[in-house]
């Protein structure tokens, strides 16, 4: 630590040097105000210590302001004589936060090391708070950017209802106050012509700016090529994969994206889908309340941006009347308490199925809300550690 001292008493200055100039602390003491000012403006210091009547009351305040202007981020410790409180008040009103009374016996000198350490610690703490606030603002900006790709109004074809929801991960680290993370989940629902509706969910690896930019890249790509009428979902996903394999944004640091892309034919009510590393959809028969997994783990496919020649599969299922279809990212089933066993305590596919069964008689929007509430409850108040996107589709009874 480098400490600059401006002092008016040579005897006290010598003692101050002996007390402070120990271990890793280097002290420069100046009795000449011009030299003091030059050192302030020409060199970097960790702490400045000055008598508030150095070299006299008239100039001392000017020197103090010079220190503030030249090195605004370092602590300044002012030492004042008894009886000069009015002069001290001028320093305080101009931003002096650390000060110590200068007794005639010189005992104050022995308090200077701890005073200087405390002043520096306070500044470091303040910097940390400012950095934390700046990082929070950055995270919020990234999160808002990521959420900007989430559609607000979903199409509602005749005979169908569709609802969807995205929630960022929430990690509770202080009381009940959650830290909302920025991430790379999203969903999309849109029509292709009059006879097809596209439903998809995607999840970029990691969190923060990297994941956000990866998912924005895929979202932009899908929107750019979606009207090119690929013959099936396999061809579409394969094309997205080939293009993402050449994306530096996605592949940086081994990044990848999982995607479930599905196309619902509104004329024959058949859903075709291709998965690139996403969980398989669930189909719920509202008549019998049976919930089934559509497809196998082997049909899940490799995440995007890993192997441009990967051969994906297309799976098909008929959506009967009075049934619900769920597609989701793994943040929903992988919810678990922070102090629990991730493998045994997570919400899991069993929790999802139970929630769907219990909400059979609820309106679709309420069923979706219950699904998120049940998943959150599995964390026992610690919050989900991954983003979650869910699309829930219902085909009405004719």
Protein backbone atom coordinates (compact mmCIF):
# COMPACT_ATOMS: atom_id res chain seq x y z
CA UNK A 1 0.00 0.00 0.00
CA UNK A 2 1.35 3.44 -0.97
CA UNK A 3 0.47 6.26 1.41
CA UNK A 4 1.08 9.95 0.74
CA UNK A 5 1.22 12.20 3.81
CA UNK A 6 0.97 15.97 3.89
CA UNK A 7 2.09 17.21 7.31
CA UNK A 8 3.02 20.49 9.00
CA UNK A 9 4.99 19.27 12.05
CA UNK A 10 8.42 17.67 11.28
CA UNK A 11 8.64 15.86 14.64
CA UNK A 12 5.22 14.27 14.24
CA UNK A 13 6.01 13.55 10.60
CA UNK A 14 9.06 11.51 11.58
CA UNK A 15 7.03 9.45 14.06
CA UNK A 16 4.26 8.95 11.51
CA UNK A 17 6.82 7.61 9.06
CA UNK A 18 8.14 5.11 11.63
CA UNK A 19 4.64 3.95 12.55
CA UNK A 20 3.27 3.59 9.03
CA UNK A 21 6.32 2.52 7.02
CA UNK A 22 6.13 -1.18 7.92
CA UNK A 23 5.46 -4.48 6.18
CA UNK A 24 4.10 -3.79 2.68
CA UNK A 25 3.24 -0.14 3.31
CA UNK A 26 5.37 2.57 1.68
CA UNK A 27 4.99 6.11 3.01
CA UNK A 28 5.97 9.38 1.36
CA UNK A 29 5.78 12.36 3.75
CA UNK A 30 5.82 15.90 2.43
CA UNK A 31 6.04 19.14 4.39
CA UNK A 32 6.25 21.21 1.21
CA UNK A 33 2.70 21.82 -0.12
CA UNK A 34 3.95 22.32 -3.69
CA UNK A 35 5.79 19.00 -3.66
CA UNK A 36 2.74 17.37 -2.07
CA UNK A 37 0.53 18.70 -4.85
CA UNK A 38 2.99 17.52 -7.51
CA UNK A 39 3.06 14.00 -6.07
CA UNK A 40 -0.73 13.91 -5.94
CA UNK A 41 -1.07 14.82 -9.59
CA UNK A 42 1.86 12.80 -10.97
CA UNK A 43 1.73 9.50 -9.10
CA UNK A 44 -0.86 6.95 -7.99
CA UNK A 45 -1.56 6.42 -4.29
CA UNK A 46 -3.70 4.03 -2.28
CA UNK A 47 -4.38 6.40 0.62
CA UNK A 48 -3.73 10.09 1.31
CA UNK A 49 -3.26 11.28 4.90
CA UNK A 50 -3.15 14.99 5.58
CA UNK A 51 -3.43 17.44 8.42
CA UNK A 52 -6.38 19.65 7.63
CA UNK A 53 -4.30 22.74 8.46
CA UNK A 54 -1.47 21.70 6.11
CA UNK A 55 0.28 23.99 5.32
CA UNK A 56 -2.32 26.38 6.69
CA UNK A 57 -6.09 26.57 6.87
CA UNK A 58 -6.34 28.74 3.78
CA UNK A 59 -4.54 26.37 1.42
CA UNK A 60 -5.37 23.02 3.02
CA UNK A 61 -8.87 22.90 1.58
CA UNK A 62 -7.49 23.66 -1.88
CA UNK A 63 -4.99 20.79 -1.56
CA UNK A 64 -7.79 18.51 -0.40
CA UNK A 65 -9.84 19.31 -3.50
CA UNK A 66 -6.78 18.71 -5.67
CA UNK A 67 -6.47 15.22 -4.23
CA UNK A 68 -10.17 14.59 -4.91
CA UNK A 69 -9.89 15.80 -8.50
CA UNK A 70 -6.65 13.97 -9.27
CA UNK A 71 -7.43 10.68 -7.55
CA UNK A 72 -11.18 10.52 -6.94
CA UNK A 73 -11.28 6.83 -6.05
CA UNK A 74 -8.83 6.76 -3.13
CA UNK A 75 -9.60 7.34 0.56
CA UNK A 76 -8.45 10.58 2.21
CA UNK A 77 -7.90 10.63 5.96
CA UNK A 78 -7.96 14.09 7.56
CA UNK A 79 -6.47 14.85 10.99
CA UNK A 80 -7.75 17.89 12.83
CA UNK A 81 -6.71 19.78 15.93
CA UNK A 82 -9.07 20.31 18.82
CA UNK A 83 -10.69 23.70 18.44
CA UNK A 84 -10.71 23.61 14.61
CA UNK A 85 -14.06 21.90 14.25
CA UNK A 86 -15.41 24.66 12.03
CA UNK A 87 -12.58 24.08 9.58
CA UNK A 88 -13.21 20.32 9.75
CA UNK A 89 -16.84 20.96 8.86
CA UNK A 90 -15.70 22.54 5.58
CA UNK A 91 -13.79 19.36 4.70
CA UNK A 92 -16.73 17.15 5.62
CA UNK A 93 -19.10 19.24 3.53
CA UNK A 94 -16.71 18.77 0.61
CA UNK A 95 -16.63 14.99 0.90
CA UNK A 96 -14.18 14.01 3.66
CA UNK A 97 -15.42 10.76 5.18
CA UNK A 98 -12.54 9.65 7.45
CA UNK A 99 -11.08 11.93 10.10
CA UNK A 100 -9.25 11.73 13.42
CA UNK A 101 -8.68 14.30 16.17
CA UNK A 102 -5.07 15.33 16.71
CA UNK A 103 -4.30 15.44 20.45
CA UNK A 104 -1.40 17.52 21.80
CA UNK A 105 0.41 14.47 23.25
CA UNK A 106 0.60 12.80 19.83
CA UNK A 107 -1.21 9.64 20.88
CA UNK A 108 -3.38 9.90 17.77
CA UNK A 109 -0.40 8.74 15.69
CA UNK A 110 -0.74 5.21 17.06
CA UNK A 111 -4.31 5.10 15.79
CA UNK A 112 -3.31 6.03 12.24
CA UNK A 113 -2.50 2.49 10.96
CA UNK A 114 -5.93 1.14 11.87
CA UNK A 115 -7.58 4.35 10.67
CA UNK A 116 -5.90 4.10 7.29
CA UNK A 117 -6.73 0.41 6.96
CA UNK A 118 -10.36 1.08 7.85
CA UNK A 119 -10.58 3.93 5.33
CA UNK A 120 -9.14 1.76 2.58
CA UNK A 121 -11.44 -1.13 3.49
CA UNK A 122 -14.44 1.20 3.34
CA UNK A 123 -13.46 2.38 -0.14
CA UNK A 124 -12.92 -1.19 -1.33
CA UNK A 125 -16.33 -2.15 0.04
CA UNK A 126 -17.91 0.81 -1.71
CA UNK A 127 -16.22 -0.16 -4.98
CA UNK A 128 -17.51 -3.70 -4.54
CA UNK A 129 -21.05 -2.41 -3.98
CA UNK A 130 -20.80 -0.22 -7.07
CA UNK A 131 -19.42 -3.11 -9.12
CA UNK A 132 -22.16 -5.41 -7.86
CA UNK A 133 -24.79 -2.83 -8.81
CA UNK A 134 -23.21 -2.37 -12.23
CA UNK A 135 -23.14 -6.13 -12.77
CA UNK A 136 -26.78 -6.34 -11.67
CA UNK A 137 -27.65 -3.69 -14.23
CA UNK A 138 -25.70 -5.58 -16.90
CA UNK A 139 -27.46 -8.83 -16.02
CA UNK A 140 -30.83 -7.05 -16.19
CA UNK A 141 -29.93 -5.62 -19.60
CA UNK A 142 -28.92 -9.03 -20.92
CA UNK A 143 -32.05 -10.58 -19.44
CA UNK A 144 -34.27 -7.97 -21.08
CA UNK A 145 -32.53 -8.58 -24.40
CA UNK A 146 -33.09 -12.31 -24.06
CA UNK A 147 -36.75 -11.83 -23.07
CA UNK A 148 -37.31 -9.54 -26.07
CA UNK A 149 -37.44 -12.60 -28.35
CA UNK A 150 -40.24 -14.20 -26.31
CA UNK A 151 -43.56 -13.72 -28.17
CA UNK A 152 -46.33 -11.96 -26.27
CA UNK A 153 -49.33 -12.89 -28.42
CA UNK A 154 -49.68 -16.53 -29.44
CA UNK A 155 -51.80 -17.74 -32.38
CA UNK A 156 -55.04 -19.52 -31.47
CA UNK A 157 -56.13 -21.78 -34.35
CA UNK A 158 -59.73 -22.94 -34.44
CA UNK A 159 -60.27 -25.81 -32.02
CA UNK A 160 -57.02 -25.20 -30.18
CA UNK A 161 -55.71 -23.18 -27.28
CA UNK A 162 -52.06 -22.58 -26.63
CA UNK A 163 -50.30 -20.93 -23.67
CA UNK A 164 -46.61 -20.55 -22.96
CA UNK A 165 -44.34 -19.17 -20.29
CA UNK A 166 -40.69 -18.37 -19.73
CA UNK A 167 -39.07 -17.92 -16.32
CA UNK A 168 -35.40 -17.06 -15.74
CA UNK A 169 -33.52 -18.97 -13.09
CA UNK A 170 -33.76 -17.58 -9.57
CA UNK A 171 -31.13 -18.30 -6.95
CA UNK A 172 -31.96 -17.19 -3.42
CA UNK A 173 -28.74 -16.18 -1.68
CA UNK A 174 -29.95 -13.69 0.94
CA UNK A 175 -33.16 -14.17 2.85
CA UNK A 176 -36.12 -14.14 0.51
CA UNK A 177 -34.51 -11.90 -2.11
CA UNK A 178 -33.91 -13.80 -5.36
CA UNK A 179 -31.10 -13.05 -7.78
CA UNK A 180 -32.69 -13.32 -11.23
CA UNK A 181 -30.13 -14.66 -13.65
CA UNK A 182 -29.73 -13.92 -17.34
CA UNK A 183 -29.86 -17.01 -19.51
CA UNK A 184 -30.52 -18.55 -22.87
CA UNK A 185 -33.96 -20.19 -22.84
CA UNK A 186 -36.78 -19.24 -25.14
CA UNK A 187 -39.92 -20.48 -26.83
CA UNK A 188 -41.73 -19.48 -29.99
CA UNK A 189 -45.13 -20.20 -31.50
CA UNK A 190 -46.15 -18.99 -34.95
CA UNK A 191 -48.22 -19.95 -37.99
CA UNK A 192 -46.86 -21.06 -41.35
CA UNK A 193 -49.57 -20.28 -43.83
CA UNK A 194 -53.11 -21.31 -42.91
CA UNK A 195 -52.52 -24.97 -42.23
CA UNK A 196 -49.45 -25.24 -39.99
CA UNK A 197 -48.49 -23.98 -36.57
CA UNK A 198 -44.90 -24.13 -35.32
CA UNK A 199 -44.15 -24.70 -31.64
CA UNK A 200 -40.58 -24.76 -30.36
CA UNK A 201 -38.44 -24.42 -27.26
CA UNK A 202 -34.71 -23.79 -27.15
CA UNK A 203 -32.00 -23.67 -24.52
CA UNK A 204 -28.44 -22.37 -24.95
CA UNK A 205 -25.76 -23.77 -22.68
CA UNK A 206 -24.61 -21.60 -19.79
CA UNK A 207 -25.94 -18.28 -18.52
CA UNK A 208 -25.34 -14.59 -19.06
CA UNK A 209 -24.27 -12.73 -22.19
CA UNK A 210 -22.86 -15.80 -23.94
CA UNK A 211 -26.05 -17.84 -23.60
CA UNK A 212 -28.20 -14.84 -24.47
CA UNK A 213 -26.29 -14.09 -27.67
CA UNK A 214 -26.36 -17.77 -28.65
CA UNK A 215 -30.12 -17.98 -28.33
CA UNK A 216 -30.54 -14.65 -30.13
CA UNK A 217 -28.43 -16.05 -32.98
CA UNK A 218 -30.63 -19.13 -33.28
CA UNK A 219 -33.84 -17.10 -32.94
CA UNK A 220 -32.72 -14.77 -35.75
CA UNK A 221 -31.73 -17.72 -37.93
CA UNK A 222 -35.05 -19.52 -37.42
CA UNK A 223 -37.03 -16.38 -38.19
CA UNK A 224 -34.88 -15.80 -41.29
CA UNK A 225 -35.38 -19.23 -42.85
CA UNK A 226 -38.76 -20.29 -41.45
CA UNK A 227 -40.72 -19.37 -44.60
CA UNK A 228 -38.53 -21.41 -46.95
CA UNK A 229 -40.91 -24.36 -46.62
CA UNK A 230 -38.59 -27.17 -45.66
CA UNK A 231 -40.24 -30.53 -46.40
CA UNK A 232 -40.13 -31.72 -42.79
CA UNK A 233 -38.85 -30.82 -39.34
CA UNK A 234 -35.69 -32.91 -39.82
CA UNK A 235 -34.58 -30.84 -42.79
CA UNK A 236 -35.29 -27.61 -40.95
CA UNK A 237 -33.41 -28.60 -37.78
CA UNK A 238 -30.53 -30.00 -39.84
CA UNK A 239 -30.21 -26.70 -41.70
CA UNK A 240 -30.25 -24.74 -38.45
CA UNK A 241 -27.58 -27.07 -37.08
CA UNK A 242 -25.33 -26.68 -40.13
CA UNK A 243 -25.48 -22.91 -39.91
CA UNK A 244 -24.92 -22.79 -36.16
CA UNK A 245 -21.86 -25.05 -36.51
CA UNK A 246 -20.17 -22.14 -38.27
CA UNK A 247 -21.25 -19.56 -35.66
CA UNK A 248 -18.38 -18.33 -33.49
CA UNK A 249 -20.87 -16.83 -31.03
CA UNK A 250 -22.52 -20.17 -30.30
CA UNK A 251 -19.41 -22.38 -30.43
CA UNK A 252 -17.19 -20.17 -28.29
CA UNK A 253 -15.96 -22.11 -25.25
CA UNK A 254 -17.71 -25.28 -26.40
CA UNK A 255 -21.19 -23.79 -26.44
CA UNK A 256 -24.22 -25.54 -27.89
CA UNK A 257 -28.02 -25.17 -28.09
CA UNK A 258 -30.79 -27.68 -27.54
CA UNK A 259 -33.97 -27.34 -29.59
CA UNK A 260 -37.31 -29.04 -30.01
CA UNK A 261 -38.93 -27.90 -33.26
CA UNK A 262 -42.45 -29.13 -33.99
CA UNK A 263 -44.98 -28.53 -36.74
CA UNK A 264 -48.70 -29.10 -36.17
CA UNK A 265 -50.79 -29.80 -39.28
CA UNK A 266 -54.09 -28.12 -38.51
CA UNK A 267 -55.93 -30.11 -41.17
CA UNK A 268 -55.19 -33.61 -39.88
CA UNK A 269 -54.11 -32.72 -36.33
CA UNK A 270 -50.79 -34.51 -36.63
CA UNK A 271 -47.74 -33.14 -34.88
CA UNK A 272 -44.32 -33.73 -36.42
CA UNK A 273 -41.25 -32.86 -34.40
CA UNK A 274 -37.48 -33.16 -34.23
CA UNK A 275 -35.46 -32.91 -31.06
CA UNK A 276 -31.86 -31.74 -30.81
CA UNK A 277 -31.09 -32.64 -27.22
CA UNK A 278 -34.42 -31.57 -25.73
CA UNK A 279 -36.75 -33.63 -23.51
CA UNK A 280 -39.48 -35.49 -25.34
CA UNK A 281 -42.99 -33.94 -25.39
CA UNK A 282 -45.76 -35.23 -23.12
CA UNK A 283 -49.28 -35.99 -24.33
CA UNK A 284 -52.16 -35.96 -21.84
CA UNK A 285 -55.50 -37.61 -22.59
CA UNK A 286 -58.04 -35.51 -20.68
CA UNK A 287 -60.65 -38.28 -20.90
CA UNK A 288 -58.56 -40.90 -19.10
CA UNK A 289 -56.02 -38.51 -17.51
CA UNK A 290 -53.22 -40.67 -18.88
CA UNK A 291 -49.93 -38.82 -19.54
CA UNK A 292 -47.44 -40.38 -21.95
CA UNK A 293 -43.94 -39.53 -23.10
CA UNK A 294 -43.83 -39.13 -26.87
CA UNK A 295 -40.61 -40.70 -28.16
CA UNK A 296 -37.56 -42.23 -26.55
CA UNK A 297 -34.37 -40.82 -25.06
CA UNK A 298 -32.43 -42.15 -28.07
CA UNK A 299 -34.60 -40.04 -30.37
CA UNK A 300 -33.58 -36.91 -28.49
CA UNK A 301 -30.76 -36.18 -30.91
CA UNK A 302 -27.49 -34.30 -30.48
CA UNK A 303 -27.60 -30.62 -29.44
CA UNK A 304 -27.03 -28.08 -32.19
CA UNK A 305 -23.62 -26.63 -33.12
CA UNK A 306 -21.66 -29.79 -32.26
CA UNK A 307 -21.69 -31.97 -35.39
CA UNK A 308 -22.87 -30.46 -38.67
CA UNK A 309 -23.40 -33.91 -40.21
CA UNK A 310 -25.56 -35.30 -37.41
CA UNK A 311 -28.62 -37.15 -38.72
CA UNK A 312 -31.75 -36.17 -36.80
CA UNK A 313 -35.08 -38.00 -36.60
CA UNK A 314 -38.63 -36.88 -37.17
CA UNK A 315 -41.32 -38.22 -34.85
CA UNK A 316 -45.04 -38.06 -35.47
CA UNK A 317 -48.07 -38.22 -33.19
CA UNK A 318 -51.77 -37.63 -33.68
CA UNK A 319 -53.26 -35.03 -31.33
CA UNK A 320 -56.74 -36.34 -30.41
CA UNK A 321 -59.62 -34.22 -29.25
CA UNK A 322 -59.69 -33.29 -25.57
CA UNK A 323 -55.96 -33.70 -25.04
CA UNK A 324 -53.00 -31.55 -24.04
CA UNK A 325 -49.45 -31.51 -25.35
CA UNK A 326 -46.50 -30.22 -23.32
CA UNK A 327 -43.08 -29.24 -24.65
CA UNK A 328 -40.54 -27.82 -22.23
CA UNK A 329 -36.88 -27.18 -21.44
CA UNK A 330 -35.05 -29.11 -18.75
CA UNK A 331 -35.25 -26.29 -16.20
CA UNK A 332 -38.77 -27.50 -15.42
CA UNK A 333 -37.95 -31.08 -14.43
CA UNK A 334 -34.46 -30.41 -13.02
CA UNK A 335 -35.73 -28.15 -10.22
CA UNK A 336 -34.30 -29.30 -6.89
CA UNK A 337 -33.42 -27.77 -3.50
CA UNK A 338 -29.97 -26.21 -3.21
CA UNK A 339 -29.06 -28.51 -0.32
CA UNK A 340 -30.65 -31.61 -1.79
CA UNK A 341 -29.58 -34.50 -3.98
CA UNK A 342 -30.03 -33.38 -7.59
CA UNK A 343 -30.62 -36.92 -8.77
CA UNK A 344 -33.15 -37.96 -6.14
CA UNK A 345 -34.79 -34.71 -5.05
CA UNK A 346 -35.45 -33.02 -8.39
CA UNK A 347 -38.97 -32.37 -9.63
CA UNK A 348 -38.44 -34.78 -12.50
CA UNK A 349 -40.68 -36.21 -15.14
CA UNK A 350 -42.78 -37.78 -12.37
CA UNK A 351 -43.47 -34.36 -10.88
CA UNK A 352 -44.45 -32.97 -14.28
CA UNK A 353 -46.85 -35.84 -14.94
CA UNK A 354 -48.43 -35.58 -11.50
CA UNK A 355 -48.93 -31.83 -11.92
CA UNK A 356 -50.60 -32.35 -15.30
CA UNK A 357 -52.92 -34.98 -13.90
CA UNK A 358 -53.86 -32.82 -10.93
CA UNK A 359 -54.68 -29.88 -13.23
CA UNK A 360 -56.84 -31.80 -15.69
CA UNK A 361 -59.96 -29.86 -14.76
CA UNK A 362 -58.25 -26.48 -14.64
CA UNK A 363 -58.30 -24.01 -17.52
CA UNK A 364 -55.13 -24.22 -19.62
CA UNK A 365 -53.58 -21.02 -18.24
CA UNK A 366 -54.12 -22.19 -14.67
CA UNK A 367 -52.71 -25.61 -15.48
CA UNK A 368 -49.54 -23.92 -16.76
CA UNK A 369 -49.32 -21.76 -13.63
CA UNK A 370 -49.69 -24.85 -11.43
CA UNK A 371 -46.92 -26.60 -13.34
CA UNK A 372 -44.50 -23.76 -12.59
CA UNK A 373 -45.70 -23.48 -8.99
CA UNK A 374 -45.16 -27.20 -8.40
CA UNK A 375 -41.72 -27.06 -10.00
CA UNK A 376 -40.77 -24.10 -7.83
CA UNK A 377 -42.07 -25.86 -4.73
CA UNK A 378 -39.63 -28.70 -5.40
CA UNK A 379 -36.74 -26.28 -4.76
CA UNK A 380 -37.98 -25.69 -1.16
CA UNK A 381 -37.62 -21.94 -1.56
CA UNK A 382 -34.14 -21.87 -3.09
CA UNK A 383 -35.35 -21.14 -6.63
CA UNK A 384 -34.75 -22.99 -9.89
CA UNK A 385 -31.12 -22.95 -10.99
CA UNK A 386 -31.93 -23.04 -14.70
CA UNK A 387 -34.14 -21.08 -17.07
CA UNK A 388 -37.44 -22.70 -17.95
CA UNK A 389 -39.57 -22.45 -21.07
CA UNK A 390 -42.87 -24.28 -21.48
CA UNK A 391 -45.46 -24.46 -24.25
CA UNK A 392 -48.81 -26.12 -23.41
CA UNK A 393 -51.25 -26.90 -26.21
CA UNK A 394 -54.82 -28.14 -25.88
CA UNK A 395 -57.05 -29.52 -28.60
CA UNK A 396 -60.62 -28.88 -27.62
CA UNK A 397 -63.47 -31.33 -27.84
CA UNK A 398 -65.44 -30.66 -31.02
